[in-house]
Amino acid sequence: MDMKKRIHLELRNRTPSDVRELVLDNCRSNEGKIEGLTAEFVNLEFLSLINVGLLSVSNLPQLGKLKKVTWLPSACE
């Protein structure tokens, strides 16, 4: 499943601002980049991106409340 679709499913009828924890483990990134995660996730505190094929988190939006990101780069997967 691609990352954008997984984020949509994880919302479960909530708005992005309601989400505090987002686990996207084992979904596919698009060309090694984060896709579908926007600055609308203003209250996000925990993000897990294990085994998603990321090459970089450079396009991760600024999320002021984000405290922990769990991520393994492709070289470690």
Protein backbone atom coordinates (compact mmCIF):
# COMPACT_ATOMS: atom_id res chain seq x y z
CA MET A 1 0.00 0.00 0.00
CA ASP A 2 1.36 3.43 -0.82
CA MET A 3 2.01 5.99 1.91
CA LYS A 4 -0.64 8.48 0.83
CA LYS A 5 -3.38 5.84 0.93
CA ARG A 6 -2.13 4.51 4.27
CA ILE A 7 -2.30 7.99 5.82
CA HIS A 8 -5.87 8.33 4.55
CA LEU A 9 -6.80 4.99 6.15
CA GLU A 10 -5.05 5.86 9.43
CA LEU A 11 -7.11 9.04 9.75
CA ARG A 12 -10.24 6.94 10.42
CA ASN A 13 -12.67 9.83 9.92
CA ARG A 14 -10.51 12.20 11.96
CA THR A 15 -9.00 15.43 10.73
CA PRO A 16 -5.19 15.61 10.47
CA SER A 17 -5.13 18.02 13.41
CA ASP A 18 -6.74 15.34 15.63
CA VAL A 19 -3.92 12.84 15.03
CA ARG A 20 -1.22 12.57 17.71
CA GLU A 21 0.35 9.26 16.67
CA LEU A 22 0.86 7.95 13.14
CA VAL A 23 2.33 4.53 12.35
CA LEU A 24 3.12 4.08 8.66
CA ASP A 25 5.35 1.02 8.98
CA ASN A 26 5.62 -1.27 5.94
CA CYS A 27 3.89 1.00 3.45
CA ARG A 28 5.59 2.20 0.24
CA SER A 29 7.18 5.59 -0.19
CA ASN A 30 7.16 7.31 -3.57
CA GLU A 31 10.72 7.48 -4.92
CA GLY A 32 12.07 7.28 -1.37
CA LYS A 33 10.22 10.38 -0.18
CA ILE A 34 7.46 11.04 2.32
CA GLU A 35 4.16 11.56 0.56
CA GLY A 36 0.80 12.61 1.98
CA LEU A 37 2.04 13.90 5.33
CA THR A 38 1.32 17.62 5.50
CA ALA A 39 1.68 20.52 7.90
CA GLU A 40 -2.01 19.98 8.75
CA PHE A 41 -0.87 17.33 11.27
CA VAL A 42 -0.19 20.11 13.78
CA ASN A 43 -0.65 17.93 16.88
CA LEU A 44 1.37 14.94 15.69
CA GLU A 45 3.77 13.82 18.43
CA PHE A 46 4.91 10.38 17.25
CA LEU A 47 5.65 9.17 13.71
CA SER A 48 6.86 5.70 12.77
CA LEU A 49 8.31 5.11 9.29
CA ILE A 50 9.93 1.69 9.59
CA ASN A 51 10.46 -0.37 6.45
CA VAL A 52 8.93 2.16 4.05
CA GLY A 53 11.90 2.52 1.70
CA LEU A 54 12.70 6.14 2.55
CA LEU A 55 15.91 7.60 1.24
CA SER A 56 15.46 10.92 3.02
CA VAL A 57 13.17 12.75 5.42
CA SER A 58 14.08 16.13 3.94
CA ASN A 59 10.50 16.77 2.80
CA LEU A 60 9.04 16.07 6.25
CA PRO A 61 6.88 19.13 6.99
CA GLN A 62 7.59 21.23 10.05
CA LEU A 63 5.49 19.75 12.81
CA GLY A 64 6.03 21.74 15.99
CA LYS A 65 4.73 19.12 18.41
CA LEU A 66 6.55 16.15 16.87
CA LYS A 67 8.64 14.58 19.64
CA LYS A 68 9.70 11.24 18.21
CA VAL A 69 10.28 9.86 14.71
CA THR A 70 11.15 6.21 14.28
CA TRP A 71 12.82 5.74 10.91
CA LEU A 72 15.26 3.33 9.35
CA PRO A 73 16.88 4.54 6.13
CA SER A 74 16.88 2.14 3.19
CA ALA A 75 20.48 1.12 3.82
CA CYS A 76 19.40 -0.31 7.17
CA GLU A 77 16.24 -2.05 5.99
